[in-house]
Amino acid sequence: MTDKTVVVLNVKAQKVKEGLIDIISSLEDFRVLHADESPSCDILIMEIGDDPKKEFQLIQELQSSGRVNEIFLTSSSTDPNILIQALRCGTKEFFSQPINREELLQALSKFRGGKERAEEAPEEKGKIINIIGSKGGIGTTTVAVNVATSLLELQGVRSVALIDMNLLFGEVPLFLDIEPVFNWGEVAKNISRLDSTYLMSVLSKHPSGIYVLPSPTGLDGVNTTPEVIEKLLDIMKAEFDFIVIDSGQSLDTVSLRILELSDSVLLNSILSLPCLINVKRLLDTFHRLGFPNEERVKIIINRYHKNSVISKEEAEKGLGKKIFWHVPNDFQTTITAINRGKTLSEVAHKAEITGNLREMASKLTGRLERKKEKKGFFGLRSNLGQVKVLKLKDLEVS
């Protein structure tokens, strides 16, 4: 990329404007122009001042005009509504004042390198793991939440997203004790603005490291189309190694499109006659539809007890399909995690059910668990007589 990146400033505060000009002018690949000097630009840096409503309306008009590639915003206001509105309109960067020089340089560098990275060979896209319940109340959300967090404990897995597609009874935020600002209904309404930057701005990051996109709390996502969800998932596949979907029990046009796009479909059941009958119906439905491929469909038995009235072997015979995995029945640990809004790993990392779900994630993806290194006192570990002090960055999930 040989041409200089054109940056136009629409900033009222003189001191802020001078600081921006000073920083941007120090970069040889960038050129600063005033609004009346260019009909279009690569980056518009705009200040939100005393009339946010009018200024955000202008931003929307500029986005629609195609004259601006990306928009960076800055404001001296600490009103959280301004930040929320900035995220909703798909703003790439938001800088509080006084503007941090390093943050601005990083944002400009990111923009400059974006087109160059886009020209490189595309990386392998993420995989979609779709978890469907054969009946309500059998732990489908528990499985989805803890499979998602277990994936981050596998070798080579750097990023995992969890989507709650259960429109009426989505409970993922309750299971993780989070209060997300946005949901996929909000994304659907702004699908024309959806890109990786906007996507990451609406996701909620859980302390475990997974990113969460909950379902709408009301019926505002009911008109979502299969095409909208497909675009959302396509962008998520470019950002995440795995996308886990809690699909609940619905089977509408949107969930059918998700089925088509899924790399693995886990049918969650327990060893009860009503649940197994529903699993059989789902398998027959998949066969009639012609998708998903039979090899992608896995049956898992939750709350498994070896002394169940219906044995695993009897279930397999009735379903005409092998059971992929069974999760042990541990009501106490599970209900404790749910009531505390914690993952099983947080509540009981060494419990059988926690390890079982990690093993299932490993088998499903073909990836091994990360090896646990032995550490001594004060975070020290030894290796052939050498001692190294662990820093915070060493403890981050890569």
Protein backbone atom coordinates (compact mmCIF):
# COMPACT_ATOMS: atom_id res chain seq x y z
CA MET A 1 0.00 0.00 0.00
CA THR A 2 1.94 3.00 -1.28
CA ASP A 3 -0.62 5.85 -1.14
CA LYS A 4 -0.83 7.89 2.02
CA THR A 5 -3.80 7.36 4.29
CA VAL A 6 -5.96 10.50 4.33
CA VAL A 7 -7.26 11.53 7.75
CA VAL A 8 -9.89 14.28 8.05
CA LEU A 9 -10.46 15.99 11.40
CA ASN A 10 -13.82 17.26 12.60
CA VAL A 11 -12.74 18.34 16.07
CA LYS A 12 -13.83 21.54 17.83
CA ALA A 13 -11.50 21.53 20.84
CA GLN A 14 -8.42 23.36 19.59
CA LYS A 15 -5.99 21.68 21.98
CA VAL A 16 -7.27 18.24 21.02
CA LYS A 17 -7.08 19.08 17.32
CA GLU A 18 -3.49 20.31 17.63
CA GLY A 19 -2.54 17.15 19.48
CA LEU A 20 -4.08 14.96 16.77
CA ILE A 21 -2.31 16.87 14.01
CA ASP A 22 0.99 16.54 15.85
CA ILE A 23 0.63 12.78 16.30
CA ILE A 24 -0.66 11.96 12.81
CA SER A 25 1.81 14.25 11.04
CA SER A 26 4.68 12.34 12.66
CA LEU A 27 3.73 9.29 10.57
CA GLU A 28 5.02 9.33 7.01
CA ASP A 29 2.20 7.10 5.70
CA PHE A 30 -0.56 9.46 6.89
CA ARG A 31 -1.76 12.87 5.75
CA VAL A 32 -4.07 15.21 7.71
CA LEU A 33 -6.67 17.28 5.86
CA HIS A 34 -9.49 19.53 7.00
CA ALA A 35 -13.09 18.72 6.11
CA ASP A 36 -13.22 21.36 3.35
CA GLU A 37 -10.05 20.06 1.71
CA SER A 38 -11.29 16.63 0.64
CA PRO A 39 -14.69 15.21 -0.45
CA SER A 40 -13.73 11.80 0.94
CA CYS A 41 -11.19 10.22 3.27
CA ASP A 42 -9.85 6.99 4.66
CA ILE A 43 -10.40 7.94 8.30
CA LEU A 44 -12.63 10.61 9.81
CA ILE A 45 -11.80 11.58 13.38
CA MET A 46 -14.85 13.31 14.81
CA GLU A 47 -15.52 14.84 18.20
CA ILE A 48 -18.86 14.26 19.94
CA GLY A 49 -19.71 17.49 21.72
CA ASP A 50 -22.81 19.27 23.00
CA ASP A 51 -25.32 17.79 20.53
CA PRO A 52 -24.70 14.01 20.35
CA LYS A 53 -28.03 13.28 18.64
CA LYS A 54 -27.26 15.58 15.72
CA GLU A 55 -23.65 14.43 15.50
CA PHE A 56 -24.54 10.72 15.43
CA GLN A 57 -27.12 11.47 12.74
CA LEU A 58 -24.32 13.06 10.70
CA ILE A 59 -22.19 9.96 11.25
CA GLN A 60 -24.96 7.74 9.86
CA GLU A 61 -25.28 9.97 6.80
CA LEU A 62 -21.53 9.82 6.20
CA GLN A 63 -21.54 6.04 6.52
CA SER A 64 -24.36 5.76 4.00
CA SER A 65 -22.64 8.11 1.55
CA GLY A 66 -19.60 5.88 1.18
CA ARG A 67 -17.28 8.90 1.40
CA VAL A 68 -15.68 7.71 4.63
CA ASN A 69 -13.90 4.40 5.04
CA GLU A 70 -13.68 4.35 8.84
CA ILE A 71 -14.75 6.68 11.63
CA PHE A 72 -12.88 7.28 14.88
CA LEU A 73 -14.67 9.19 17.64
CA THR A 74 -13.45 11.21 20.59
CA SER A 75 -15.27 13.04 23.37
CA SER A 76 -14.55 14.78 26.64
CA SER A 77 -17.88 13.49 28.00
CA THR A 78 -17.96 10.48 30.32
CA ASP A 79 -21.63 9.75 29.55
CA PRO A 80 -21.85 5.96 28.94
CA ASN A 81 -24.73 6.52 26.52
CA ILE A 82 -22.31 8.17 24.10
CA LEU A 83 -20.10 5.09 24.08
CA ILE A 84 -23.10 2.79 23.63
CA GLN A 85 -24.34 4.87 20.71
CA ALA A 86 -20.85 4.84 19.21
CA LEU A 87 -20.80 1.04 19.35
CA ARG A 88 -24.25 0.80 17.81
CA CYS A 89 -23.30 2.90 14.82
CA GLY A 90 -20.28 0.70 14.14
CA THR A 91 -17.55 3.15 15.12
CA LYS A 92 -14.10 1.62 14.77
CA GLU A 93 -12.35 3.44 17.64
CA PHE A 94 -13.40 5.67 20.52
CA PHE A 95 -10.87 7.84 22.38
CA SER A 96 -11.58 9.54 25.68
CA GLN A 97 -9.89 12.91 26.26
CA PRO A 98 -7.10 13.70 26.70
CA ILE A 99 -6.24 11.36 23.86
CA ASN A 100 -3.63 8.75 24.66
CA ARG A 101 -0.86 8.97 22.06
CA GLU A 102 -0.06 5.25 22.09
CA GLU A 103 -3.70 4.25 21.72
CA LEU A 104 -4.10 6.50 18.69
CA LEU A 105 -0.89 5.25 17.09
CA GLN A 106 -2.02 1.67 17.63
CA ALA A 107 -5.42 2.36 16.02
CA LEU A 108 -3.82 4.04 13.01
CA SER A 109 -1.35 1.20 12.62
CA LYS A 110 -4.19 -1.31 12.81
CA PHE A 111 -6.06 0.49 10.04
CA ARG A 112 -2.95 0.73 7.88
CA GLY A 113 -2.23 -2.96 8.18
CA GLY A 114 -5.83 -4.08 7.76
CA LYS A 115 -5.89 -3.96 3.98
CA GLU A 116 -2.50 -5.65 3.77
CA ARG A 117 -3.71 -8.50 5.97
CA ALA A 118 -6.86 -8.83 3.88
CA GLU A 119 -4.70 -9.52 0.84
CA GLU A 120 -2.95 -12.42 2.55
CA ALA A 121 -4.15 -16.00 2.16
CA PRO A 122 -7.22 -16.53 4.33
CA GLU A 123 -6.73 -18.48 7.53
CA GLU A 124 -8.77 -21.56 8.37
CA LYS A 125 -12.20 -20.50 9.56
CA GLY A 126 -13.64 -21.37 12.94
CA LYS A 127 -15.90 -24.34 13.58
CA ILE A 128 -19.54 -24.20 14.69
CA ILE A 129 -20.68 -26.58 17.43
CA ASN A 130 -24.48 -26.57 17.59
CA ILE A 131 -26.06 -28.02 20.75
CA ILE A 132 -29.75 -28.94 20.57
CA GLY A 133 -31.88 -30.16 23.46
CA SER A 134 -34.30 -33.03 22.89
CA LYS A 135 -36.46 -31.55 25.63
CA GLY A 136 -36.45 -28.58 27.99
CA GLY A 137 -34.91 -28.87 31.44
CA ILE A 138 -32.34 -31.56 30.68
CA GLY A 139 -29.20 -29.43 31.01
CA THR A 140 -28.62 -28.29 27.43
CA THR A 141 -27.45 -24.83 28.51
CA THR A 142 -25.20 -26.38 31.16
CA VAL A 143 -23.57 -28.51 28.47
CA ALA A 144 -23.24 -25.57 26.05
CA VAL A 145 -21.71 -23.20 28.62
CA ASN A 146 -19.21 -25.73 29.92
CA VAL A 147 -18.25 -27.13 26.53
CA ALA A 148 -17.45 -23.55 25.49
CA THR A 149 -15.21 -22.93 28.50
CA SER A 150 -13.64 -26.39 28.15
CA LEU A 151 -12.59 -25.64 24.58
CA LEU A 152 -10.31 -22.86 25.84
CA GLU A 153 -8.40 -25.47 27.83
CA LEU A 154 -7.39 -27.34 24.68
CA GLN A 155 -4.10 -26.95 22.84
CA GLY A 156 -4.13 -24.40 20.04
CA VAL A 157 -7.53 -22.93 20.92
CA ARG A 158 -7.23 -19.18 21.37
CA SER A 159 -10.79 -17.90 21.05
CA VAL A 160 -14.27 -19.25 21.70
CA ALA A 161 -17.69 -17.60 21.36
CA LEU A 162 -20.98 -18.75 22.85
CA ILE A 163 -24.30 -17.75 21.24
CA ASP A 164 -27.66 -18.19 22.95
CA MET A 165 -30.22 -18.87 20.21
CA ASN A 166 -33.02 -19.79 22.61
CA LEU A 167 -35.29 -16.84 21.88
CA LEU A 168 -37.90 -17.15 24.63
CA PHE A 169 -35.95 -18.89 27.37
CA GLY A 170 -32.31 -17.95 26.83
CA GLU A 171 -30.46 -18.32 30.13
CA VAL A 172 -26.78 -18.16 29.23
CA PRO A 173 -26.25 -14.78 30.99
CA LEU A 174 -27.76 -16.23 34.19
CA PHE A 175 -25.48 -19.26 34.03
CA LEU A 176 -22.46 -16.95 33.71
CA ASP A 177 -23.65 -14.15 36.02
CA ILE A 178 -23.21 -11.45 33.39
CA GLU A 179 -25.43 -8.55 32.28
CA PRO A 180 -24.72 -7.99 28.59
CA VAL A 181 -25.59 -4.65 27.03
CA PHE A 182 -26.25 -6.11 23.58
CA ASN A 183 -27.78 -9.29 22.11
CA TRP A 184 -27.98 -10.83 18.65
CA GLY A 185 -31.33 -9.09 18.10
CA GLU A 186 -29.45 -5.79 18.27
CA VAL A 187 -26.90 -7.11 15.78
CA ALA A 188 -29.67 -8.23 13.43
CA LYS A 189 -31.15 -4.73 13.40
CA ASN A 190 -27.76 -3.30 12.40
CA ILE A 191 -26.71 -6.07 10.04
CA SER A 192 -25.63 -3.60 7.33
CA ARG A 193 -22.96 -2.27 9.69
CA LEU A 194 -21.77 -5.69 10.83
CA ASP A 195 -18.04 -6.27 10.54
CA SER A 196 -15.44 -7.76 12.87
CA THR A 197 -14.94 -4.50 14.78
CA TYR A 198 -18.65 -3.96 15.40
CA LEU A 199 -19.06 -7.64 16.31
CA MET A 200 -16.35 -7.54 18.97
CA SER A 201 -17.83 -4.36 20.41
CA VAL A 202 -21.20 -6.00 21.10
CA LEU A 203 -19.90 -9.26 22.55
CA SER A 204 -19.53 -9.66 26.32
CA LYS A 205 -16.30 -11.23 27.54
CA HIS A 206 -16.61 -13.62 30.48
CA PRO A 207 -13.71 -13.98 32.96
CA SER A 208 -13.16 -17.52 31.64
CA GLY A 209 -12.13 -15.98 28.31
CA ILE A 210 -15.17 -16.88 26.20
CA TYR A 211 -17.17 -14.21 24.38
CA VAL A 212 -20.94 -14.28 24.80
CA LEU A 213 -23.74 -13.14 22.50
CA PRO A 214 -27.06 -13.64 24.32
CA SER A 215 -30.55 -13.93 22.89
CA PRO A 216 -32.98 -10.99 22.93
CA THR A 217 -34.83 -10.65 26.24
CA GLY A 218 -38.13 -10.05 24.47
CA LEU A 219 -39.54 -10.72 21.03
CA ASP A 220 -37.45 -8.11 19.22
CA GLY A 221 -35.36 -10.78 17.52
CA VAL A 222 -38.30 -12.79 16.23
CA ASN A 223 -38.08 -11.35 12.70
CA THR A 224 -34.45 -12.34 12.28
CA THR A 225 -33.91 -14.08 8.95
CA PRO A 226 -31.69 -17.04 8.05
CA GLU A 227 -29.61 -14.71 5.86
CA VAL A 228 -28.90 -12.39 8.79
CA ILE A 229 -27.77 -15.25 11.02
CA GLU A 230 -25.63 -16.68 8.23
CA LYS A 231 -23.80 -13.36 7.84
CA LEU A 232 -23.33 -13.13 11.61
CA LEU A 233 -21.89 -16.64 11.81
CA ASP A 234 -19.66 -16.08 8.79
CA ILE A 235 -18.02 -13.09 10.46
CA MET A 236 -17.75 -14.95 13.77
CA LYS A 237 -16.00 -17.85 12.04
CA ALA A 238 -13.33 -15.41 10.89
CA GLU A 239 -12.79 -14.20 14.47
CA PHE A 240 -13.08 -17.34 16.60
CA ASP A 241 -11.65 -20.84 16.60
CA PHE A 242 -14.96 -22.25 17.82
CA ILE A 243 -18.52 -20.92 18.02
CA VAL A 244 -20.74 -22.86 20.41
CA ILE A 245 -24.48 -22.37 19.90
CA ASP A 246 -27.12 -23.15 22.51
CA SER A 247 -30.06 -23.75 20.17
CA GLY A 248 -32.56 -24.84 22.80
CA GLN A 249 -35.37 -26.92 21.28
CA SER A 250 -36.54 -24.74 18.38
CA LEU A 251 -36.57 -25.92 14.78
CA ASP A 252 -37.59 -22.92 12.68
CA THR A 253 -36.12 -21.48 9.48
CA VAL A 254 -33.29 -19.78 11.37
CA SER A 255 -32.32 -22.91 13.31
CA LEU A 256 -32.47 -24.94 10.10
CA ARG A 257 -29.95 -22.58 8.49
CA ILE A 258 -27.73 -22.94 11.56
CA LEU A 259 -27.98 -26.72 11.14
CA GLU A 260 -26.74 -26.40 7.56
CA LEU A 261 -23.78 -24.30 8.67
CA SER A 262 -22.81 -26.39 11.70
CA ASP A 263 -19.66 -28.49 11.71
CA SER A 264 -20.91 -30.57 14.66
CA VAL A 265 -24.46 -31.02 15.94
CA LEU A 266 -24.79 -32.36 19.47
CA LEU A 267 -28.21 -33.78 20.35
CA ASN A 268 -28.49 -33.56 24.12
CA SER A 269 -30.72 -36.11 25.84
CA ILE A 270 -31.17 -38.10 29.01
CA LEU A 271 -32.06 -41.77 29.28
CA SER A 272 -35.81 -41.24 29.44
CA LEU A 273 -38.37 -42.47 26.92
CA PRO A 274 -39.80 -39.02 25.98
CA CYS A 275 -36.32 -37.59 25.35
CA LEU A 276 -35.14 -40.56 23.32
CA ILE A 277 -38.32 -40.49 21.22
CA ASN A 278 -37.61 -36.82 20.47
CA VAL A 279 -34.02 -37.65 19.52
CA LYS A 280 -35.31 -40.29 17.11
CA ARG A 281 -37.72 -37.75 15.60
CA LEU A 282 -34.89 -35.27 15.14
CA LEU A 283 -32.70 -37.88 13.47
CA ASP A 284 -35.56 -38.81 11.12
CA THR A 285 -36.15 -35.12 10.35
CA PHE A 286 -32.46 -34.60 9.53
CA HIS A 287 -32.61 -37.61 7.22
CA ARG A 288 -35.64 -36.23 5.35
CA LEU A 289 -34.06 -32.78 5.06
CA GLY A 290 -30.81 -34.21 3.76
CA PHE A 291 -28.75 -32.27 6.31
CA PRO A 292 -26.78 -32.14 8.46
CA ASN A 293 -24.53 -34.97 7.36
CA GLU A 294 -25.01 -38.00 9.62
CA GLU A 295 -21.33 -37.97 10.61
CA ARG A 296 -21.71 -34.46 12.00
CA VAL A 297 -24.55 -35.45 14.31
CA LYS A 298 -23.51 -36.72 17.75
CA ILE A 299 -25.78 -37.96 20.53
CA ILE A 300 -24.79 -37.13 24.08
CA ILE A 301 -26.50 -38.46 27.18
CA ASN A 302 -26.57 -35.98 30.04
CA ARG A 303 -27.10 -36.91 33.72
CA TYR A 304 -25.97 -40.44 32.96
CA HIS A 305 -26.27 -43.12 35.62
CA LYS A 306 -25.20 -46.68 34.90
CA ASN A 307 -28.23 -48.05 36.77
CA SER A 308 -30.77 -46.15 34.66
CA VAL A 309 -33.97 -48.04 33.80
CA ILE A 310 -33.11 -47.60 30.12
CA SER A 311 -29.53 -48.66 29.44
CA LYS A 312 -27.19 -46.95 27.03
CA GLU A 313 -27.17 -50.06 24.86
CA GLU A 314 -30.98 -50.12 24.68
CA ALA A 315 -31.01 -46.45 23.74
CA GLU A 316 -28.50 -47.04 20.94
CA LYS A 317 -30.57 -49.94 19.60
CA GLY A 318 -33.76 -47.87 19.58
CA LEU A 319 -32.09 -44.87 17.96
CA GLY A 320 -30.12 -46.88 15.43
CA LYS A 321 -27.07 -44.77 16.22
CA LYS A 322 -24.16 -44.97 18.62
CA ILE A 323 -24.06 -42.60 21.56
CA PHE A 324 -21.05 -40.31 21.21
CA TRP A 325 -20.65 -39.34 24.86
CA HIS A 326 -22.29 -39.54 28.25
CA VAL A 327 -21.98 -36.94 31.00
CA PRO A 328 -22.17 -38.23 34.59
CA ASN A 329 -25.04 -37.21 36.84
CA ASP A 330 -23.70 -34.74 39.41
CA PHE A 331 -26.70 -32.72 40.50
CA GLN A 332 -25.04 -31.06 43.48
CA THR A 333 -22.05 -29.66 41.59
CA THR A 334 -24.18 -28.61 38.64
CA ILE A 335 -26.90 -26.83 40.61
CA THR A 336 -24.25 -25.09 42.73
CA ALA A 337 -22.60 -23.75 39.57
CA ILE A 338 -25.95 -22.60 38.13
CA ASN A 339 -27.09 -20.86 41.32
CA ARG A 340 -23.75 -19.08 41.70
CA GLY A 341 -23.52 -18.09 38.04
CA LYS A 342 -20.24 -19.97 37.69
CA THR A 343 -18.83 -22.53 35.28
CA LEU A 344 -18.18 -26.07 36.50
CA SER A 345 -14.46 -25.42 36.19
CA GLU A 346 -14.76 -22.45 38.57
CA VAL A 347 -16.85 -24.33 41.12
CA ALA A 348 -15.19 -27.75 40.98
CA HIS A 349 -12.24 -27.89 38.59
CA LYS A 350 -11.29 -31.43 39.62
CA ALA A 351 -14.80 -32.89 39.74
CA GLU A 352 -15.58 -35.87 37.52
CA ILE A 353 -18.22 -33.99 35.53
CA THR A 354 -15.83 -31.09 34.84
CA GLY A 355 -13.11 -33.39 33.57
CA ASN A 356 -15.67 -35.37 31.60
CA LEU A 357 -16.77 -32.29 29.63
CA ARG A 358 -13.14 -31.33 28.96
CA GLU A 359 -12.56 -34.82 27.59
CA MET A 360 -15.67 -34.55 25.42
CA ALA A 361 -14.46 -31.24 24.00
CA SER A 362 -11.10 -32.86 23.30
CA LYS A 363 -12.64 -35.86 21.53
CA LEU A 364 -15.05 -33.71 19.56
CA THR A 365 -12.34 -31.42 18.20
CA GLY A 366 -9.40 -33.81 18.08
CA ARG A 367 -7.33 -31.46 20.23
CA LEU A 368 -5.46 -32.39 23.39
CA GLU A 369 -5.78 -30.65 26.72
CA ARG A 370 -3.03 -28.21 27.59
CA LYS A 371 -0.38 -29.78 29.76
CA LYS A 372 -0.36 -28.53 33.33
CA GLU A 373 3.13 -27.45 34.41
CA LYS A 374 4.20 -27.97 38.01
CA LYS A 375 4.94 -24.73 39.80
CA GLY A 376 6.81 -24.10 43.02
CA PHE A 377 6.47 -21.32 45.56
CA PHE A 378 5.68 -17.73 44.50
CA GLY A 379 4.85 -18.74 40.92
CA LEU A 380 8.34 -20.14 40.27
CA ARG A 381 8.89 -23.19 38.12
CA SER A 382 12.05 -25.07 37.36
CA ASN A 383 13.34 -26.59 34.16
CA LEU A 384 16.64 -28.48 34.26
CA GLY A 385 17.92 -26.37 37.10
CA GLN A 386 16.79 -23.04 35.60
CA VAL A 387 14.25 -20.89 37.42
CA LYS A 388 11.88 -18.43 35.80
CA VAL A 389 9.49 -15.97 37.43
CA LEU A 390 6.05 -16.11 35.82
CA LYS A 391 4.76 -12.76 34.61
CA LEU A 392 1.10 -11.87 34.11
CA LYS A 393 1.39 -12.30 30.35
CA ASP A 394 2.55 -15.90 30.88
CA LEU A 395 -0.73 -16.67 32.60
CA GLU A 396 -2.96 -15.41 29.78
CA VAL A 397 -4.68 -17.86 27.50
CA SER A 398 -3.06 -17.60 24.11
